[in-house]
């Protein structure tokens, strides 16, 4: 999760670098929406990955519907909090909220995250 003021190429490259550093996995394909800077960011940060531009409106092929559905609890929580005030506090909120949601869904185990647990 990376929150930035602007949705530009530098932000997209920073996100992909952060994702590669955290997961230590080089993907074969990257699926994003129709935002143009993602195409160049994927080409520069992950040159051997195939970029798939997609969206919710497609009737066939790849769609981002599962990805968009995963953000529903976050959007619901932000609606009740009346949005994010600053980028810094928003980044802290989203990191912790997504981490707790991953623990709740059991997609991340607590034992590797907390030494001595």
PDB file of N, CA and C in Angstrom:
ATOM      1  N   UNK A   1       0.857  -1.168   0.000  1.00  0.00           N
ATOM      2  CA  UNK A   1       0.000   0.000   0.000  1.00  0.00           C
ATOM      3  C   UNK A   1       0.901   1.229   0.000  1.00  0.00           C
ATOM      4  N   UNK A   2       0.708   2.089  -0.977  1.00  0.00           N
ATOM      5  CA  UNK A   2       1.489   3.315  -1.061  1.00  0.00           C
ATOM      6  C   UNK A   2       0.555   4.451  -1.436  1.00  0.00           C
ATOM      7  N   UNK A   3       0.502   5.462  -0.589  1.00  0.00           N
ATOM      8  CA  UNK A   3      -0.379   6.606  -0.804  1.00  0.00           C
ATOM      9  C   UNK A   3       0.468   7.807  -1.184  1.00  0.00           C
ATOM     10  N   UNK A   4       0.109   8.476  -2.275  1.00  0.00           N
ATOM     11  CA  UNK A   4       0.842   9.643  -2.750  1.00  0.00           C
ATOM     12  C   UNK A   4      -0.120  10.771  -3.062  1.00  0.00           C
ATOM     13  N   UNK A   5       0.420  12.007  -3.122  1.00  0.00           N
ATOM     14  CA  UNK A   5      -0.394  13.175  -3.481  1.00  0.00           C
ATOM     15  C   UNK A   5      -0.899  13.086  -4.911  1.00  0.00           C
ATOM     16  N   UNK A   6      -0.025  12.674  -5.819  1.00  0.00           N
ATOM     17  CA  UNK A   6      -0.367  12.630  -7.235  1.00  0.00           C
ATOM     18  C   UNK A   6      -0.276  11.201  -7.750  1.00  0.00           C
ATOM     19  N   UNK A   7      -1.048  10.923  -8.772  1.00  0.00           N
ATOM     20  CA  UNK A   7      -1.042   9.611  -9.400  1.00  0.00           C
ATOM     21  C   UNK A   7      -0.254   9.723 -10.704  1.00  0.00           C
ATOM     22  N   UNK A   8       1.085   9.769 -10.567  1.00  0.00           N
ATOM     23  CA  UNK A   8       1.930   9.973 -11.729  1.00  0.00           C
ATOM     24  C   UNK A   8       2.910   8.804 -11.874  1.00  0.00           C
ATOM     25  N   UNK A   9       3.800   8.933 -12.850  1.00  0.00           N
ATOM     26  CA  UNK A   9       4.742   7.853 -13.137  1.00  0.00           C
ATOM     27  C   UNK A   9       5.707   7.601 -11.977  1.00  0.00           C
ATOM     28  N   UNK A  10       6.190   8.663 -11.344  1.00  0.00           N
ATOM     29  CA  UNK A  10       7.119   8.497 -10.217  1.00  0.00           C
ATOM     30  C   UNK A  10       6.446   7.746  -9.069  1.00  0.00           C
ATOM     31  N   UNK A  11       5.186   8.041  -8.818  1.00  0.00           N
ATOM     32  CA  UNK A  11       4.459   7.336  -7.763  1.00  0.00           C
ATOM     33  C   UNK A  11       4.272   5.867  -8.122  1.00  0.00           C
ATOM     34  N   UNK A  12       3.948   5.612  -9.379  1.00  0.00           N
ATOM     35  CA  UNK A  12       3.757   4.230  -9.825  1.00  0.00           C
ATOM     36  C   UNK A  12       5.065   3.443  -9.730  1.00  0.00           C
ATOM     37  N   UNK A  13       6.169   4.058 -10.137  1.00  0.00           N
ATOM     38  CA  UNK A  13       7.464   3.378 -10.035  1.00  0.00           C
ATOM     39  C   UNK A  13       7.831   3.115  -8.583  1.00  0.00           C
ATOM     40  N   UNK A  14       7.569   4.070  -7.701  1.00  0.00           N
ATOM     41  CA  UNK A  14       7.848   3.878  -6.276  1.00  0.00           C
ATOM     42  C   UNK A  14       7.017   2.729  -5.719  1.00  0.00           C
ATOM     43  N   UNK A  15       5.748   2.649  -6.132  1.00  0.00           N
ATOM     44  CA  UNK A  15       4.895   1.554  -5.657  1.00  0.00           C
ATOM     45  C   UNK A  15       5.416   0.202  -6.119  1.00  0.00           C
ATOM     46  N   UNK A  16       5.767   0.092  -7.396  1.00  0.00           N
ATOM     47  CA  UNK A  16       6.250  -1.192  -7.910  1.00  0.00           C
ATOM     48  C   UNK A  16       7.578  -1.591  -7.273  1.00  0.00           C
ATOM     49  N   UNK A  17       8.457  -0.627  -7.027  1.00  0.00           N
ATOM     50  CA  UNK A  17       9.725  -0.939  -6.336  1.00  0.00           C
ATOM     51  C   UNK A  17       9.453  -1.437  -4.919  1.00  0.00           C
ATOM     52  N   UNK A  18       8.533  -0.764  -4.224  1.00  0.00           N
ATOM     53  CA  UNK A  18       8.183  -1.171  -2.863  1.00  0.00           C
ATOM     54  C   UNK A  18       7.575  -2.571  -2.865  1.00  0.00           C
ATOM     55  N   UNK A  19       6.698  -2.848  -3.808  1.00  0.00           N
ATOM     56  CA  UNK A  19       6.066  -4.167  -3.882  1.00  0.00           C
ATOM     57  C   UNK A  19       7.093  -5.257  -4.167  1.00  0.00           C
ATOM     58  N   UNK A  20       8.040  -4.970  -5.066  1.00  0.00           N
ATOM     59  CA  UNK A  20       9.090  -5.955  -5.367  1.00  0.00           C
ATOM     60  C   UNK A  20       9.983  -6.198  -4.155  1.00  0.00           C
ATOM     61  N   UNK A  21      10.304  -5.146  -3.415  1.00  0.00           N
ATOM     62  CA  UNK A  21      11.161  -5.296  -2.235  1.00  0.00           C
ATOM     63  C   UNK A  21      10.458  -6.075  -1.132  1.00  0.00           C
ATOM     64  N   UNK A  22       9.158  -5.854  -0.967  1.00  0.00           N
ATOM     65  CA  UNK A  22       8.416  -6.534   0.103  1.00  0.00           C
ATOM     66  C   UNK A  22       8.177  -8.001  -0.207  1.00  0.00           C
ATOM     67  N   UNK A  23       7.814  -8.305  -1.448  1.00  0.00           N
ATOM     68  CA  UNK A  23       7.456  -9.678  -1.784  1.00  0.00           C
ATOM     69  C   UNK A  23       8.634 -10.509  -2.244  1.00  0.00           C
ATOM     70  N   UNK A  24       9.672  -9.855  -2.781  1.00  0.00           N
ATOM     71  CA  UNK A  24      10.846 -10.536  -3.327  1.00  0.00           C
ATOM     72  C   UNK A  24      10.464 -11.520  -4.430  1.00  0.00           C
ATOM     73  N   UNK A  25       9.389 -11.187  -5.166  1.00  0.00           N
ATOM     74  CA  UNK A  25       8.913 -12.001  -6.274  1.00  0.00           C
ATOM     75  C   UNK A  25       8.835 -11.110  -7.503  1.00  0.00           C
ATOM     76  N   UNK A  26       9.366 -11.593  -8.622  1.00  0.00           N
ATOM     77  CA  UNK A  26       9.266 -10.847  -9.868  1.00  0.00           C
ATOM     78  C   UNK A  26       8.109 -11.436 -10.663  1.00  0.00           C
ATOM     79  N   UNK A  27       7.042 -10.669 -10.870  1.00  0.00           N
ATOM     80  CA  UNK A  27       5.865 -11.210 -11.543  1.00  0.00           C
ATOM     81  C   UNK A  27       6.072 -11.373 -13.046  1.00  0.00           C
ATOM     82  N   UNK A  28       5.307 -12.286 -13.625  1.00  0.00           N
ATOM     83  CA  UNK A  28       5.324 -12.472 -15.070  1.00  0.00           C
ATOM     84  C   UNK A  28       4.327 -11.556 -15.757  1.00  0.00           C
ATOM     85  N   UNK A  29       3.275 -11.159 -15.020  1.00  0.00           N
ATOM     86  CA  UNK A  29       2.261 -10.251 -15.552  1.00  0.00           C
ATOM     87  C   UNK A  29       1.825  -9.294 -14.444  1.00  0.00           C
ATOM     88  N   UNK A  30       1.539  -8.064 -14.830  1.00  0.00           N
ATOM     89  CA  UNK A  30       1.060  -7.050 -13.902  1.00  0.00           C
ATOM     90  C   UNK A  30      -0.265  -6.531 -14.452  1.00  0.00           C
ATOM     91  N   UNK A  31      -1.319  -6.609 -13.640  1.00  0.00           N
ATOM     92  CA  UNK A  31      -2.643  -6.173 -14.067  1.00  0.00           C
ATOM     93  C   UNK A  31      -2.962  -4.856 -13.372  1.00  0.00           C
ATOM     94  N   UNK A  32      -3.223  -3.809 -14.162  1.00  0.00           N
ATOM     95  CA  UNK A  32      -3.573  -2.503 -13.619  1.00  0.00           C
ATOM     96  C   UNK A  32      -4.779  -1.954 -14.370  1.00  0.00           C
ATOM     97  N   UNK A  33      -5.257  -0.796 -13.924  1.00  0.00           N
ATOM     98  CA  UNK A  33      -6.351  -0.151 -14.638  1.00  0.00           C
ATOM     99  C   UNK A  33      -5.804   0.643 -15.818  1.00  0.00           C
ATOM    100  N   UNK A  34      -6.613   1.522 -16.387  1.00  0.00           N
ATOM    101  CA  UNK A  34      -6.243   2.220 -17.623  1.00  0.00           C
ATOM    102  C   UNK A  34      -5.375   3.448 -17.425  1.00  0.00           C
ATOM    103  N   UNK A  35      -4.847   3.664 -16.249  1.00  0.00           N
ATOM    104  CA  UNK A  35      -4.038   4.850 -15.996  1.00  0.00           C
ATOM    105  C   UNK A  35      -2.710   4.733 -16.756  1.00  0.00           C
ATOM    106  N   UNK A  36      -2.420   5.668 -17.643  1.00  0.00           N
ATOM    107  CA  UNK A  36      -1.284   5.588 -18.568  1.00  0.00           C
ATOM    108  C   UNK A  36       0.090   5.482 -17.903  1.00  0.00           C
ATOM    109  N   UNK A  37       0.401   6.197 -16.811  1.00  0.00           N
ATOM    110  CA  UNK A  37       1.750   6.073 -16.239  1.00  0.00           C
ATOM    111  C   UNK A  37       2.116   4.661 -15.774  1.00  0.00           C
ATOM    112  N   UNK A  38       1.123   3.806 -15.529  1.00  0.00           N
ATOM    113  CA  UNK A  38       1.430   2.435 -15.116  1.00  0.00           C
ATOM    114  C   UNK A  38       2.158   1.666 -16.213  1.00  0.00           C
ATOM    115  N   UNK A  39       1.836   1.931 -17.465  1.00  0.00           N
ATOM    116  CA  UNK A  39       2.465   1.226 -18.577  1.00  0.00           C
ATOM    117  C   UNK A  39       3.970   1.483 -18.576  1.00  0.00           C
ATOM    118  N   UNK A  40       4.361   2.754 -18.466  1.00  0.00           N
ATOM    119  CA  UNK A  40       5.785   3.101 -18.476  1.00  0.00           C
ATOM    120  C   UNK A  40       6.474   2.679 -17.182  1.00  0.00           C
ATOM    121  N   UNK A  41       5.765   2.736 -16.064  1.00  0.00           N
ATOM    122  CA  UNK A  41       6.355   2.336 -14.785  1.00  0.00           C
ATOM    123  C   UNK A  41       6.645   0.840 -14.768  1.00  0.00           C
ATOM    124  N   UNK A  42       5.722   0.047 -15.270  1.00  0.00           N
ATOM    125  CA  UNK A  42       5.951  -1.403 -15.327  1.00  0.00           C
ATOM    126  C   UNK A  42       7.104  -1.706 -16.275  1.00  0.00           C
ATOM    127  N   UNK A  43       7.163  -1.022 -17.409  1.00  0.00           N
ATOM    128  CA  UNK A  43       8.241  -1.259 -18.377  1.00  0.00           C
ATOM    129  C   UNK A  43       9.609  -0.898 -17.806  1.00  0.00           C
ATOM    130  N   UNK A  44       9.685   0.120 -16.946  1.00  0.00           N
ATOM    131  CA  UNK A  44      10.989   0.520 -16.426  1.00  0.00           C
ATOM    132  C   UNK A  44      11.389  -0.257 -15.166  1.00  0.00           C
ATOM    133  N   UNK A  45      10.437  -0.578 -14.301  1.00  0.00           N
ATOM    134  CA  UNK A  45      10.776  -1.249 -13.039  1.00  0.00           C
ATOM    135  C   UNK A  45      10.806  -2.765 -13.199  1.00  0.00           C
ATOM    136  N   UNK A  46       9.849  -3.308 -13.963  1.00  0.00           N
ATOM    137  CA  UNK A  46       9.755  -4.766 -14.155  1.00  0.00           C
ATOM    138  C   UNK A  46       9.771  -5.030 -15.662  1.00  0.00           C
ATOM    139  N   UNK A  47      10.933  -4.936 -16.297  1.00  0.00           N
ATOM    140  CA  UNK A  47      10.971  -4.974 -17.762  1.00  0.00           C
ATOM    141  C   UNK A  47      10.542  -6.309 -18.378  1.00  0.00           C
ATOM    142  N   UNK A  48      10.651  -7.414 -17.666  1.00  0.00           N
ATOM    143  CA  UNK A  48      10.305  -8.707 -18.250  1.00  0.00           C
ATOM    144  C   UNK A  48       8.860  -9.111 -17.973  1.00  0.00           C
ATOM    145  N   UNK A  49       8.115  -8.267 -17.284  1.00  0.00           N
ATOM    146  CA  UNK A  49       6.716  -8.571 -16.977  1.00  0.00           C
ATOM    147  C   UNK A  49       5.811  -8.072 -18.099  1.00  0.00           C
ATOM    148  N   UNK A  50       4.763  -8.828 -18.340  1.00  0.00           N
ATOM    149  CA  UNK A  50       3.758  -8.430 -19.321  1.00  0.00           C
ATOM    150  C   UNK A  50       2.739  -7.541 -18.619  1.00  0.00           C
ATOM    151  N   UNK A  51       2.448  -6.382 -19.179  1.00  0.00           N
ATOM    152  CA  UNK A  51       1.497  -5.458 -18.579  1.00  0.00           C
ATOM    153  C   UNK A  51       0.123  -5.666 -19.201  1.00  0.00           C
ATOM    154  N   UNK A  52      -0.883  -5.881 -18.355  1.00  0.00           N
ATOM    155  CA  UNK A  52      -2.250  -6.072 -18.816  1.00  0.00           C
ATOM    156  C   UNK A  52      -3.073  -4.899 -18.312  1.00  0.00           C
ATOM    157  N   UNK A  53      -3.564  -4.086 -19.231  1.00  0.00           N
ATOM    158  CA  UNK A  53      -4.435  -2.966 -18.858  1.00  0.00           C
ATOM    159  C   UNK A  53      -5.868  -3.456 -18.909  1.00  0.00           C
ATOM    160  N   UNK A  54      -6.588  -3.254 -17.837  1.00  0.00           N
ATOM    161  CA  UNK A  54      -7.931  -3.803 -17.745  1.00  0.00           C
ATOM    162  C   UNK A  54      -8.822  -2.885 -16.936  1.00  0.00           C
ATOM    163  N   UNK A  55     -10.042  -3.281 -16.734  1.00  0.00           N
ATOM    164  CA  UNK A  55     -10.974  -2.483 -15.952  1.00  0.00           C
ATOM    165  C   UNK A  55     -12.245  -3.241 -15.651  1.00  0.00           C
ATOM    166  N   UNK A  56     -13.098  -2.636 -14.863  1.00  0.00           N
ATOM    167  CA  UNK A  56     -14.345  -3.278 -14.460  1.00  0.00           C
ATOM    168  C   UNK A  56     -15.351  -3.389 -15.598  1.00  0.00           C
ATOM    169  N   UNK A  57     -15.234  -2.541 -16.609  1.00  0.00           N
ATOM    170  CA  UNK A  57     -16.249  -2.464 -17.651  1.00  0.00           C
ATOM    171  C   UNK A  57     -16.096  -3.527 -18.738  1.00  0.00           C
ATOM    172  N   UNK A  58     -15.027  -4.299 -18.732  1.00  0.00           N
ATOM    173  CA  UNK A  58     -14.813  -5.293 -19.776  1.00  0.00           C
ATOM    174  C   UNK A  58     -15.767  -6.478 -19.602  1.00  0.00           C
ATOM    175  N   UNK A  59     -16.277  -7.000 -20.720  1.00  0.00           N
ATOM    176  CA  UNK A  59     -17.168  -8.151 -20.652  1.00  0.00           C
ATOM    177  C   UNK A  59     -16.421  -9.470 -20.777  1.00  0.00           C
ATOM    178  N   UNK A  60     -15.199  -9.418 -21.260  1.00  0.00           N
ATOM    179  CA  UNK A  60     -14.403 -10.639 -21.417  1.00  0.00           C
ATOM    180  C   UNK A  60     -12.962 -10.333 -21.065  1.00  0.00           C
ATOM    181  N   UNK A  61     -12.178 -11.367 -20.861  1.00  0.00           N
ATOM    182  CA  UNK A  61     -10.772 -11.180 -20.527  1.00  0.00           C
ATOM    183  C   UNK A  61     -10.575 -10.839 -19.064  1.00  0.00           C
ATOM    184  N   UNK A  62      -9.424 -10.231 -18.760  1.00  0.00           N
ATOM    185  CA  UNK A  62      -9.094  -9.877 -17.390  1.00  0.00           C
ATOM    186  C   UNK A  62      -9.938  -8.700 -16.915  1.00  0.00           C
ATOM    187  N   UNK A  63     -10.395  -8.780 -15.687  1.00  0.00           N
ATOM    188  CA  UNK A  63     -11.039  -7.627 -15.064  1.00  0.00           C
ATOM    189  C   UNK A  63     -10.416  -7.437 -13.691  1.00  0.00           C
ATOM    190  N   UNK A  64     -10.552  -6.239 -13.169  1.00  0.00           N
ATOM    191  CA  UNK A  64     -10.008  -5.947 -11.851  1.00  0.00           C
ATOM    192  C   UNK A  64     -11.073  -6.070 -10.765  1.00  0.00           C
ATOM    193  N   UNK A  65     -12.181  -6.730 -11.076  1.00  0.00           N
ATOM    194  CA  UNK A  65     -13.271  -6.815 -10.118  1.00  0.00           C
ATOM    195  C   UNK A  65     -12.850  -7.419  -8.775  1.00  0.00           C
ATOM    196  N   UNK A  66     -12.079  -8.537  -8.720  1.00  0.00           N
ATOM    197  CA  UNK A  66     -11.655  -9.048  -7.414  1.00  0.00           C
ATOM    198  C   UNK A  66     -10.791  -8.057  -6.637  1.00  0.00           C
ATOM    199  N   UNK A  67      -9.948  -7.314  -7.345  1.00  0.00           N
ATOM    200  CA  UNK A  67      -9.100  -6.323  -6.687  1.00  0.00           C
ATOM    201  C   UNK A  67      -9.958  -5.198  -6.124  1.00  0.00           C
ATOM    202  N   UNK A  68     -10.897  -4.710  -6.929  1.00  0.00           N
ATOM    203  CA  UNK A  68     -11.769  -3.628  -6.474  1.00  0.00           C
ATOM    204  C   UNK A  68     -12.644  -4.076  -5.316  1.00  0.00           C
ATOM    205  N   UNK A  69     -13.108  -5.309  -5.322  1.00  0.00           N
ATOM    206  CA  UNK A  69     -13.937  -5.817  -4.232  1.00  0.00           C
ATOM    207  C   UNK A  69     -13.141  -5.921  -2.937  1.00  0.00           C
ATOM    208  N   UNK A  70     -11.844  -6.134  -3.028  1.00  0.00           N
ATOM    209  CA  UNK A  70     -11.040  -6.254  -1.813  1.00  0.00           C
ATOM    210  C   UNK A  70     -10.902  -4.917  -1.091  1.00  0.00           C
ATOM    211  N   UNK A  71     -11.171  -3.806  -1.790  1.00  0.00           N
ATOM    212  CA  UNK A  71     -11.059  -2.484  -1.175  1.00  0.00           C
ATOM    213  C   UNK A  71     -12.348  -2.004  -0.516  1.00  0.00           C
ATOM    214  N   UNK A  72     -13.418  -2.780  -0.610  1.00  0.00           N
ATOM    215  CA  UNK A  72     -14.707  -2.346  -0.067  1.00  0.00           C
ATOM    216  C   UNK A  72     -14.644  -2.088   1.441  1.00  0.00           C
ATOM    217  N   UNK A  73     -14.078  -2.979   2.267  1.00  0.00           N
ATOM    218  CA  UNK A  73     -14.019  -2.672   3.705  1.00  0.00           C
ATOM    219  C   UNK A  73     -13.223  -1.404   4.008  1.00  0.00           C
ATOM    220  N   UNK A  74     -12.157  -1.160   3.247  1.00  0.00           N
ATOM    221  CA  UNK A  74     -11.365   0.053   3.454  1.00  0.00           C
ATOM    222  C   UNK A  74     -12.184   1.286   3.115  1.00  0.00           C
ATOM    223  N   UNK A  75     -12.885   1.245   1.980  1.00  0.00           N
ATOM    224  CA  UNK A  75     -13.711   2.395   1.594  1.00  0.00           C
ATOM    225  C   UNK A  75     -14.837   2.623   2.598  1.00  0.00           C
ATOM    226  N   UNK A  76     -15.433   1.550   3.097  1.00  0.00           N
ATOM    227  CA  UNK A  76     -16.494   1.695   4.102  1.00  0.00           C
ATOM    228  C   UNK A  76     -15.962   2.353   5.365  1.00  0.00           C
ATOM    229  N   UNK A  77     -14.780   1.943   5.809  1.00  0.00           N
ATOM    230  CA  UNK A  77     -14.183   2.516   7.020  1.00  0.00           C
ATOM    231  C   UNK A  77     -13.831   3.984   6.808  1.00  0.00           C
ATOM    232  N   UNK A  78     -13.301   4.310   5.638  1.00  0.00           N
ATOM    233  CA  UNK A  78     -12.954   5.709   5.350  1.00  0.00           C
ATOM    234  C   UNK A  78     -14.196   6.588   5.247  1.00  0.00           C
ATOM    235  N   UNK A  79     -15.291   6.040   4.745  1.00  0.00           N
ATOM    236  CA  UNK A  79     -16.525   6.817   4.645  1.00  0.00           C
ATOM    237  C   UNK A  79     -17.008   7.217   6.032  1.00  0.00           C
ATOM    238  N   UNK A  80     -16.945   6.287   6.989  1.00  0.00           N
ATOM    239  CA  UNK A  80     -17.391   6.606   8.343  1.00  0.00           C
ATOM    240  C   UNK A  80     -16.433   7.586   9.037  1.00  0.00           C
ATOM    241  N   UNK A  81     -15.166   7.579   8.636  1.00  0.00           N
ATOM    242  CA  UNK A  81     -14.186   8.513   9.205  1.00  0.00           C
ATOM    243  C   UNK A  81     -14.150   9.833   8.441  1.00  0.00           C
ATOM    244  N   UNK A  82     -14.992   9.965   7.405  1.00  0.00           N
ATOM    245  CA  UNK A  82     -15.067  11.155   6.552  1.00  0.00           C
ATOM    246  C   UNK A  82     -13.770  11.414   5.795  1.00  0.00           C
ATOM    247  N   UNK A  83     -13.130  10.358   5.350  1.00  0.00           N
ATOM    248  CA  UNK A  83     -11.967  10.479   4.484  1.00  0.00           C
ATOM    249  C   UNK A  83     -10.647  10.620   5.212  1.00  0.00           C
ATOM    250  N   UNK A  84      -9.611  10.812   4.420  1.00  0.00           N
ATOM    251  CA  UNK A  84      -8.262  10.977   4.942  1.00  0.00           C
ATOM    252  C   UNK A  84      -7.933  12.454   5.045  1.00  0.00           C
ATOM    253  N   UNK A  85      -7.259  12.849   6.099  1.00  0.00           N
ATOM    254  CA  UNK A  85      -6.926  14.265   6.284  1.00  0.00           C
ATOM    255  C   UNK A  85      -5.619  14.638   5.582  1.00  0.00           C
ATOM    256  N   UNK A  86      -4.561  13.858   5.798  1.00  0.00           N
ATOM    257  CA  UNK A  86      -3.264  14.138   5.170  1.00  0.00           C
ATOM    258  C   UNK A  86      -2.716  12.861   4.566  1.00  0.00           C
ATOM    259  N   UNK A  87      -1.738  13.000   3.704  1.00  0.00           N
ATOM    260  CA  UNK A  87      -1.122  11.830   3.077  1.00  0.00           C
ATOM    261  C   UNK A  87      -0.401  10.990   4.123  1.00  0.00           C
ATOM    262  N   UNK A  88       0.298  11.630   5.047  1.00  0.00           N
ATOM    263  CA  UNK A  88       1.064  10.903   6.063  1.00  0.00           C
ATOM    264  C   UNK A  88       0.151  10.058   6.965  1.00  0.00           C
ATOM    265  N   UNK A  89      -0.885  10.662   7.508  1.00  0.00           N
ATOM    266  CA  UNK A  89      -1.784   9.893   8.379  1.00  0.00           C
ATOM    267  C   UNK A  89      -2.589   8.880   7.579  1.00  0.00           C
ATOM    268  N   UNK A  90      -2.899   9.217   6.328  1.00  0.00           N
ATOM    269  CA  UNK A  90      -3.595   8.266   5.465  1.00  0.00           C
ATOM    270  C   UNK A  90      -2.757   7.036   5.196  1.00  0.00           C
ATOM    271  N   UNK A  91      -1.459   7.228   4.953  1.00  0.00           N
ATOM    272  CA  UNK A  91      -0.557   6.097   4.723  1.00  0.00           C
ATOM    273  C   UNK A  91      -0.502   5.201   5.954  1.00  0.00           C
ATOM    274  N   UNK A  92      -0.395   5.803   7.131  1.00  0.00           N
ATOM    275  CA  UNK A  92      -0.349   5.012   8.368  1.00  0.00           C
ATOM    276  C   UNK A  92      -1.647   4.249   8.580  1.00  0.00           C
ATOM    277  N   UNK A  93      -2.784   4.903   8.343  1.00  0.00           N
ATOM    278  CA  UNK A  93      -4.076   4.238   8.514  1.00  0.00           C
ATOM    279  C   UNK A  93      -4.219   3.067   7.556  1.00  0.00           C
ATOM    280  N   UNK A  94      -3.922   3.304   6.260  1.00  0.00           N
ATOM    281  CA  UNK A  94      -4.116   2.255   5.261  1.00  0.00           C
ATOM    282  C   UNK A  94      -3.200   1.066   5.489  1.00  0.00           C
ATOM    283  N   UNK A  95      -1.951   1.301   5.887  1.00  0.00           N
ATOM    284  CA  UNK A  95      -1.042   0.186   6.171  1.00  0.00           C
ATOM    285  C   UNK A  95      -1.572  -0.677   7.306  1.00  0.00           C
ATOM    286  N   UNK A  96      -1.993  -0.043   8.397  1.00  0.00           N
ATOM    287  CA  UNK A  96      -2.481  -0.822   9.545  1.00  0.00           C
ATOM    288  C   UNK A  96      -3.809  -1.482   9.243  1.00  0.00           C
ATOM    289  N   UNK A  97      -4.723  -0.787   8.566  1.00  0.00           N
ATOM    290  CA  UNK A  97      -6.031  -1.363   8.264  1.00  0.00           C
ATOM    291  C   UNK A  97      -5.893  -2.562   7.334  1.00  0.00           C
ATOM    292  N   UNK A  98      -5.058  -2.437   6.305  1.00  0.00           N
ATOM    293  CA  UNK A  98      -4.844  -3.556   5.380  1.00  0.00           C
ATOM    294  C   UNK A  98      -4.149  -4.727   6.070  1.00  0.00           C
ATOM    295  N   UNK A  99      -3.224  -4.441   6.989  1.00  0.00           N
ATOM    296  CA  UNK A  99      -2.543  -5.518   7.718  1.00  0.00           C
ATOM    297  C   UNK A  99      -3.529  -6.278   8.602  1.00  0.00           C
ATOM    298  N   UNK A 100      -4.375  -5.559   9.332  1.00  0.00           N
ATOM    299  CA  UNK A 100      -5.371  -6.229  10.176  1.00  0.00           C
ATOM    300  C   UNK A 100      -6.380  -6.994   9.335  1.00  0.00           C
ATOM    301  N   UNK A 101      -6.741  -6.448   8.177  1.00  0.00           N
ATOM    302  CA  UNK A 101      -7.676  -7.150   7.297  1.00  0.00           C
ATOM    303  C   UNK A 101      -7.051  -8.430   6.749  1.00  0.00           C
ATOM    304  N   UNK A 102      -5.764  -8.386   6.411  1.00  0.00           N
ATOM    305  CA  UNK A 102      -5.078  -9.591   5.930  1.00  0.00           C
ATOM    306  C   UNK A 102      -4.985 -10.651   7.029  1.00  0.00           C
ATOM    307  N   UNK A 103      -4.743 -10.205   8.257  1.00  0.00           N
ATOM    308  CA  UNK A 103      -4.729 -11.156   9.379  1.00  0.00           C
ATOM    309  C   UNK A 103      -6.119 -11.747   9.600  1.00  0.00           C
ATOM    310  N   UNK A 104      -7.142 -10.926   9.485  1.00  0.00           N
ATOM    311  CA  UNK A 104      -8.509 -11.395   9.698  1.00  0.00           C
ATOM    312  C   UNK A 104      -8.910 -12.407   8.626  1.00  0.00           C
ATOM    313  N   UNK A 105      -8.524 -12.147   7.384  1.00  0.00           N
ATOM    314  CA  UNK A 105      -8.855 -13.058   6.289  1.00  0.00           C
ATOM    315  C   UNK A 105      -7.947 -14.281   6.281  1.00  0.00           C
ATOM    316  N   UNK A 106      -6.938 -14.295   7.138  1.00  0.00           N
ATOM    317  CA  UNK A 106      -5.994 -15.404   7.268  1.00  0.00           C
ATOM    318  C   UNK A 106      -5.123 -15.571   6.023  1.00  0.00           C
ATOM    319  N   UNK A 107      -4.867 -14.476   5.301  1.00  0.00           N
ATOM    320  CA  UNK A 107      -3.949 -14.533   4.168  1.00  0.00           C
ATOM    321  C   UNK A 107      -2.514 -14.294   4.611  1.00  0.00           C
ATOM    322  N   UNK A 108      -2.334 -13.743   5.806  1.00  0.00           N
ATOM    323  CA  UNK A 108      -1.015 -13.527   6.388  1.00  0.00           C
ATOM    324  C   UNK A 108      -1.024 -14.151   7.776  1.00  0.00           C
ATOM    325  N   UNK A 109       0.005 -14.878   8.095  1.00  0.00           N
ATOM    326  CA  UNK A 109       0.111 -15.505   9.411  1.00  0.00           C
ATOM    327  C   UNK A 109       0.862 -14.584  10.360  1.00  0.00           C
ATOM    328  N   UNK A 110       0.453 -14.586  11.607  1.00  0.00           N
ATOM    329  CA  UNK A 110       1.045 -13.695  12.599  1.00  0.00           C
ATOM    330  C   UNK A 110       2.434 -14.161  13.039  1.00  0.00           C
ATOM    331  N   UNK A 111       2.660 -15.454  13.078  1.00  0.00           N
ATOM    332  CA  UNK A 111       3.920 -15.991  13.589  1.00  0.00           C
ATOM    333  C   UNK A 111       5.157 -15.448  12.868  1.00  0.00           C
ATOM    334  N   UNK A 112       5.204 -15.393  11.529  1.00  0.00           N
ATOM    335  CA  UNK A 112       6.394 -14.854  10.869  1.00  0.00           C
ATOM    336  C   UNK A 112       6.557 -13.344  11.064  1.00  0.00           C
ATOM    337  N   UNK A 113       5.472 -12.635  11.333  1.00  0.00           N
ATOM    338  CA  UNK A 113       5.545 -11.190  11.478  1.00  0.00           C
ATOM    339  C   UNK A 113       6.060 -10.755  12.839  1.00  0.00           C
ATOM    340  N   UNK A 114       5.759 -11.555  13.877  1.00  0.00           N
ATOM    341  CA  UNK A 114       6.109 -11.187  15.242  1.00  0.00           C
ATOM    342  C   UNK A 114       7.068 -12.234  15.802  1.00  0.00           C
ATOM    343  N   UNK A 115       8.353 -11.909  15.924  1.00  0.00           N
ATOM    344  CA  UNK A 115       9.309 -12.879  16.475  1.00  0.00           C
ATOM    345  C   UNK A 115       8.971 -13.203  17.931  1.00  0.00           C
ATOM    346  N   UNK A 116       9.069 -14.451  18.288  1.00  0.00           N
ATOM    347  CA  UNK A 116       8.802 -14.870  19.653  1.00  0.00           C
ATOM    348  C   UNK A 116       7.331 -15.004  19.967  1.00  0.00           C
ATOM    349  N   UNK A 117       6.458 -14.979  18.947  1.00  0.00           N
ATOM    350  CA  UNK A 117       5.013 -15.098  19.170  1.00  0.00           C
ATOM    351  C   UNK A 117       4.658 -16.513  19.554  1.00  0.00           C
TER     352      UNK A 117
END
